[in-house]
Amino acid sequence: MTIHSIPGRLRLRHMILRNPEVREQLRQHAGRLSGIQALDINPRTASLLVRYDPQVLDSATLHATLEQLVPGAARPASSAGHTHSLSRQLSRDERKKLAYAMLTSLGTSLLALLVHGKKAHVIAGCVFLAGLGLHLSDKKKFLCS
């Protein structure tokens, strides 16, 4: 399914890209297509990045070719069988507040541990873990690339 497309650059994600035969077939056929500058396949993330010259190869032809080679891979995300929810990125102020909340909850958790406040330690630790989850989901784009 198409994840991102701008003139000259197309990223697809499809589980079939983990198959070595499919990857080899893509490399052979796409390599013969004029206008393709680079083809990067990451089997671990099942993604394909195609860099092409938009003056030589239009995106419709590229999509049609990829659709023939890997049926279903070039369809837009909305029609690919399941919806891909994209969470919004946190703003700079939200990230700053989250960092302060995480530091505060971590400090509170450690302080509660020192004074033998087990319940407060667990609650503050859970708040910290929730903040960490938000932080990691905000950074997943960088962590998964």
C-alpha atoms as a PDB file:
ATOM      1  CA  MET A   1       0.000   0.000   0.000  1.00  0.00           C
ATOM      2  CA  THR A   2       1.249   3.489  -0.761  1.00  0.00           C
ATOM      3  CA  ILE A   3       2.421   5.157   2.411  1.00  0.00           C
ATOM      4  CA  HIS A   4       3.878   8.346   1.002  1.00  0.00           C
ATOM      5  CA  SER A   5       4.218   9.782  -2.477  1.00  0.00           C
ATOM      6  CA  ILE A   6       5.697  13.017  -3.740  1.00  0.00           C
ATOM      7  CA  PRO A   7       7.023  13.668  -7.240  1.00  0.00           C
ATOM      8  CA  GLY A   8      10.298  11.785  -7.504  1.00  0.00           C
ATOM      9  CA  ARG A   9       9.809   9.662  -4.381  1.00  0.00           C
ATOM     10  CA  LEU A  10       7.401   6.866  -3.522  1.00  0.00           C
ATOM     11  CA  ARG A  11       7.264   4.690  -0.403  1.00  0.00           C
ATOM     12  CA  LEU A  12       5.237   1.489  -0.290  1.00  0.00           C
ATOM     13  CA  ARG A  13       4.654  -0.915   2.540  1.00  0.00           C
ATOM     14  CA  HIS A  14       3.379  -4.432   1.902  1.00  0.00           C
ATOM     15  CA  MET A  15       4.031  -7.708   3.717  1.00  0.00           C
ATOM     16  CA  ILE A  16       4.847  -9.450   0.442  1.00  0.00           C
ATOM     17  CA  LEU A  17       8.088  -7.413   0.321  1.00  0.00           C
ATOM     18  CA  ARG A  18       9.481  -9.776   2.952  1.00  0.00           C
ATOM     19  CA  ASN A  19       9.519 -12.521   0.324  1.00  0.00           C
ATOM     20  CA  PRO A  20      13.025 -12.751  -1.252  1.00  0.00           C
ATOM     21  CA  GLU A  21      11.671 -13.882  -4.651  1.00  0.00           C
ATOM     22  CA  VAL A  22       9.334 -10.900  -4.825  1.00  0.00           C
ATOM     23  CA  ARG A  23      12.174  -8.534  -3.893  1.00  0.00           C
ATOM     24  CA  GLU A  24      14.376  -9.986  -6.641  1.00  0.00           C
ATOM     25  CA  GLN A  25      11.544  -9.741  -9.174  1.00  0.00           C
ATOM     26  CA  LEU A  26      11.012  -6.092  -8.236  1.00  0.00           C
ATOM     27  CA  ARG A  27      14.707  -5.305  -8.585  1.00  0.00           C
ATOM     28  CA  GLN A  28      14.877  -6.939 -12.028  1.00  0.00           C
ATOM     29  CA  HIS A  29      11.716  -5.439 -13.513  1.00  0.00           C
ATOM     30  CA  ALA A  30      11.884  -2.017 -11.907  1.00  0.00           C
ATOM     31  CA  GLY A  31      15.559  -1.747 -12.860  1.00  0.00           C
ATOM     32  CA  ARG A  32      14.549  -1.960 -16.533  1.00  0.00           C
ATOM     33  CA  LEU A  33      12.078   0.916 -16.181  1.00  0.00           C
ATOM     34  CA  SER A  34      13.624   4.170 -17.403  1.00  0.00           C
ATOM     35  CA  GLY A  35      13.491   6.992 -14.906  1.00  0.00           C
ATOM     36  CA  ILE A  36      14.062   4.922 -11.757  1.00  0.00           C
ATOM     37  CA  GLN A  37      17.123   6.240  -9.968  1.00  0.00           C
ATOM     38  CA  ALA A  38      17.117   4.029  -6.858  1.00  0.00           C
ATOM     39  CA  LEU A  39      15.124   1.175  -5.423  1.00  0.00           C
ATOM     40  CA  ASP A  40      15.579   0.455  -1.708  1.00  0.00           C
ATOM     41  CA  ILE A  41      13.780  -2.523  -0.185  1.00  0.00           C
ATOM     42  CA  ASN A  42      13.766  -3.121   3.552  1.00  0.00           C
ATOM     43  CA  PRO A  43      12.487  -6.650   4.230  1.00  0.00           C
ATOM     44  CA  ARG A  44      12.374  -6.101   7.985  1.00  0.00           C
ATOM     45  CA  THR A  45       9.845  -3.278   7.694  1.00  0.00           C
ATOM     46  CA  ALA A  46       8.347  -4.653   4.462  1.00  0.00           C
ATOM     47  CA  SER A  47       8.830  -1.300   2.750  1.00  0.00           C
ATOM     48  CA  LEU A  48       9.985  -0.165  -0.644  1.00  0.00           C
ATOM     49  CA  LEU A  49      11.397   3.261  -1.417  1.00  0.00           C
ATOM     50  CA  VAL A  50      11.526   4.233  -5.083  1.00  0.00           C
ATOM     51  CA  ARG A  51      13.369   7.357  -6.162  1.00  0.00           C
ATOM     52  CA  TYR A  52      12.618   8.313  -9.745  1.00  0.00           C
ATOM     53  CA  ASP A  53      12.880  11.195 -12.188  1.00  0.00           C
ATOM     54  CA  PRO A  54       9.347  12.645 -12.474  1.00  0.00           C
ATOM     55  CA  GLN A  55      10.205  14.228 -15.843  1.00  0.00           C
ATOM     56  CA  VAL A  56      10.983  10.788 -17.314  1.00  0.00           C
ATOM     57  CA  LEU A  57       8.522   8.615 -15.390  1.00  0.00           C
ATOM     58  CA  ASP A  58       5.136   9.820 -14.163  1.00  0.00           C
ATOM     59  CA  SER A  59       3.701   8.485 -10.918  1.00  0.00           C
ATOM     60  CA  ALA A  60       0.684   6.863 -12.631  1.00  0.00           C
ATOM     61  CA  THR A  61       2.946   4.686 -14.803  1.00  0.00           C
ATOM     62  CA  LEU A  62       5.102   3.820 -11.795  1.00  0.00           C
ATOM     63  CA  HIS A  63       2.024   2.870  -9.750  1.00  0.00           C
ATOM     64  CA  ALA A  64       0.654   0.742 -12.599  1.00  0.00           C
ATOM     65  CA  THR A  65       3.992  -1.063 -13.023  1.00  0.00           C
ATOM     66  CA  LEU A  66       4.322  -1.736  -9.311  1.00  0.00           C
ATOM     67  CA  GLU A  67       0.708  -2.913  -9.168  1.00  0.00           C
ATOM     68  CA  GLN A  68       1.487  -5.478 -11.902  1.00  0.00           C
ATOM     69  CA  LEU A  69       4.618  -6.692 -10.110  1.00  0.00           C
ATOM     70  CA  VAL A  70       3.127  -6.724  -6.605  1.00  0.00           C
ATOM     71  CA  PRO A  71      -0.688  -6.779  -6.747  1.00  0.00           C
ATOM     72  CA  GLY A  72      -2.173  -4.580  -4.040  1.00  0.00           C
ATOM     73  CA  ALA A  73       1.079  -2.890  -3.094  1.00  0.00           C
ATOM     74  CA  ALA A  74       0.624   0.327  -5.039  1.00  0.00           C
ATOM     75  CA  ARG A  75      -2.964   1.005  -3.978  1.00  0.00           C
ATOM     76  CA  PRO A  76      -3.459   4.094  -1.845  1.00  0.00           C
ATOM     77  CA  ALA A  77      -3.695   3.427   1.879  1.00  0.00           C
ATOM     78  CA  SER A  78      -7.438   4.133   2.000  1.00  0.00           C
ATOM     79  CA  SER A  79      -8.266   1.336  -0.465  1.00  0.00           C
ATOM     80  CA  ALA A  80      -5.702  -1.258   0.596  1.00  0.00           C
ATOM     81  CA  GLY A  81      -8.016  -3.427   2.667  1.00  0.00           C
ATOM     82  CA  HIS A  82      -7.353  -1.949   6.073  1.00  0.00           C
ATOM     83  CA  THR A  83      -7.106   1.549   7.358  1.00  0.00           C
ATOM     84  CA  HIS A  84      -3.763   2.802   8.504  1.00  0.00           C
ATOM     85  CA  SER A  85      -4.336   5.281  11.308  1.00  0.00           C
ATOM     86  CA  LEU A  86      -1.717   7.961  11.468  1.00  0.00           C
ATOM     87  CA  SER A  87      -1.396   9.603  14.830  1.00  0.00           C
ATOM     88  CA  ARG A  88      -0.493  13.246  14.785  1.00  0.00           C
ATOM     89  CA  GLN A  89       2.921  14.414  15.909  1.00  0.00           C
ATOM     90  CA  LEU A  90       3.163  16.280  19.193  1.00  0.00           C
ATOM     91  CA  SER A  91       3.893  19.989  19.000  1.00  0.00           C
ATOM     92  CA  ARG A  92       7.075  21.391  20.516  1.00  0.00           C
ATOM     93  CA  ASP A  93       5.192  22.712  23.560  1.00  0.00           C
ATOM     94  CA  GLU A  94       3.447  19.365  24.059  1.00  0.00           C
ATOM     95  CA  ARG A  95       6.802  17.557  23.880  1.00  0.00           C
ATOM     96  CA  LYS A  96       8.250  19.951  26.436  1.00  0.00           C
ATOM     97  CA  LYS A  97       5.319  19.439  28.824  1.00  0.00           C
ATOM     98  CA  LEU A  98       5.562  15.675  28.354  1.00  0.00           C
ATOM     99  CA  ALA A  99       9.281  15.747  29.171  1.00  0.00           C
ATOM    100  CA  TYR A 100       8.635  17.737  32.363  1.00  0.00           C
ATOM    101  CA  ALA A 101       5.802  15.389  33.346  1.00  0.00           C
ATOM    102  CA  MET A 102       8.033  12.362  32.775  1.00  0.00           C
ATOM    103  CA  LEU A 103      10.883  13.859  34.818  1.00  0.00           C
ATOM    104  CA  THR A 104       8.505  14.846  37.614  1.00  0.00           C
ATOM    105  CA  SER A 105       6.864  11.427  37.754  1.00  0.00           C
ATOM    106  CA  LEU A 106      10.250   9.689  37.685  1.00  0.00           C
ATOM    107  CA  GLY A 107      11.524  11.884  40.511  1.00  0.00           C
ATOM    108  CA  THR A 108       8.333  11.313  42.487  1.00  0.00           C
ATOM    109  CA  SER A 109       8.587   7.571  41.950  1.00  0.00           C
ATOM    110  CA  LEU A 110      12.192   7.473  43.161  1.00  0.00           C
ATOM    111  CA  LEU A 111      11.439   9.705  46.144  1.00  0.00           C
ATOM    112  CA  ALA A 112       8.473   7.536  47.109  1.00  0.00           C
ATOM    113  CA  LEU A 113      10.735   4.495  46.914  1.00  0.00           C
ATOM    114  CA  LEU A 114      13.220   6.128  49.294  1.00  0.00           C
ATOM    115  CA  VAL A 115      10.560   6.941  51.895  1.00  0.00           C
ATOM    116  CA  HIS A 116       8.948   3.500  51.571  1.00  0.00           C
ATOM    117  CA  GLY A 117       5.759   4.794  49.932  1.00  0.00           C
ATOM    118  CA  LYS A 118       5.110   1.740  47.813  1.00  0.00           C
ATOM    119  CA  LYS A 119       1.682   2.838  46.558  1.00  0.00           C
ATOM    120  CA  ALA A 120       2.932   6.316  45.539  1.00  0.00           C
ATOM    121  CA  HIS A 121       5.972   4.684  43.904  1.00  0.00           C
ATOM    122  CA  VAL A 122       3.774   2.407  41.788  1.00  0.00           C
ATOM    123  CA  ILE A 123       1.375   5.200  40.791  1.00  0.00           C
ATOM    124  CA  ALA A 124       4.192   7.604  39.841  1.00  0.00           C
ATOM    125  CA  GLY A 125       5.937   4.795  37.968  1.00  0.00           C
ATOM    126  CA  CYS A 126       2.767   4.085  35.981  1.00  0.00           C
ATOM    127  CA  VAL A 127       2.432   7.786  35.132  1.00  0.00           C
ATOM    128  CA  PHE A 128       6.052   7.769  33.951  1.00  0.00           C
ATOM    129  CA  LEU A 129       5.457   4.671  31.794  1.00  0.00           C
ATOM    130  CA  ALA A 130       2.364   6.270  30.240  1.00  0.00           C
ATOM    131  CA  GLY A 131       4.444   9.334  29.367  1.00  0.00           C
ATOM    132  CA  LEU A 132       7.167   7.110  27.952  1.00  0.00           C
ATOM    133  CA  GLY A 133       4.577   5.376  25.776  1.00  0.00           C
ATOM    134  CA  LEU A 134       3.417   8.737  24.407  1.00  0.00           C
ATOM    135  CA  HIS A 135       7.010   9.792  23.822  1.00  0.00           C
ATOM    136  CA  LEU A 136       7.875   6.593  21.949  1.00  0.00           C
ATOM    137  CA  SER A 137       4.718   6.717  19.828  1.00  0.00           C
ATOM    138  CA  ASP A 138       5.615  10.312  18.900  1.00  0.00           C
ATOM    139  CA  LYS A 139       9.129   9.170  17.904  1.00  0.00           C
ATOM    140  CA  LYS A 140       8.137   5.922  16.155  1.00  0.00           C
ATOM    141  CA  LYS A 141       8.849   7.440  12.750  1.00  0.00           C
ATOM    142  CA  PHE A 142      12.492   7.891  13.752  1.00  0.00           C
ATOM    143  CA  LEU A 143      12.745   4.644  15.692  1.00  0.00           C
ATOM    144  CA  CYS A 144      11.414   2.463  12.869  1.00  0.00           C
ATOM    145  CA  SER A 145      13.436   3.929  10.023  1.00  0.00           C
END
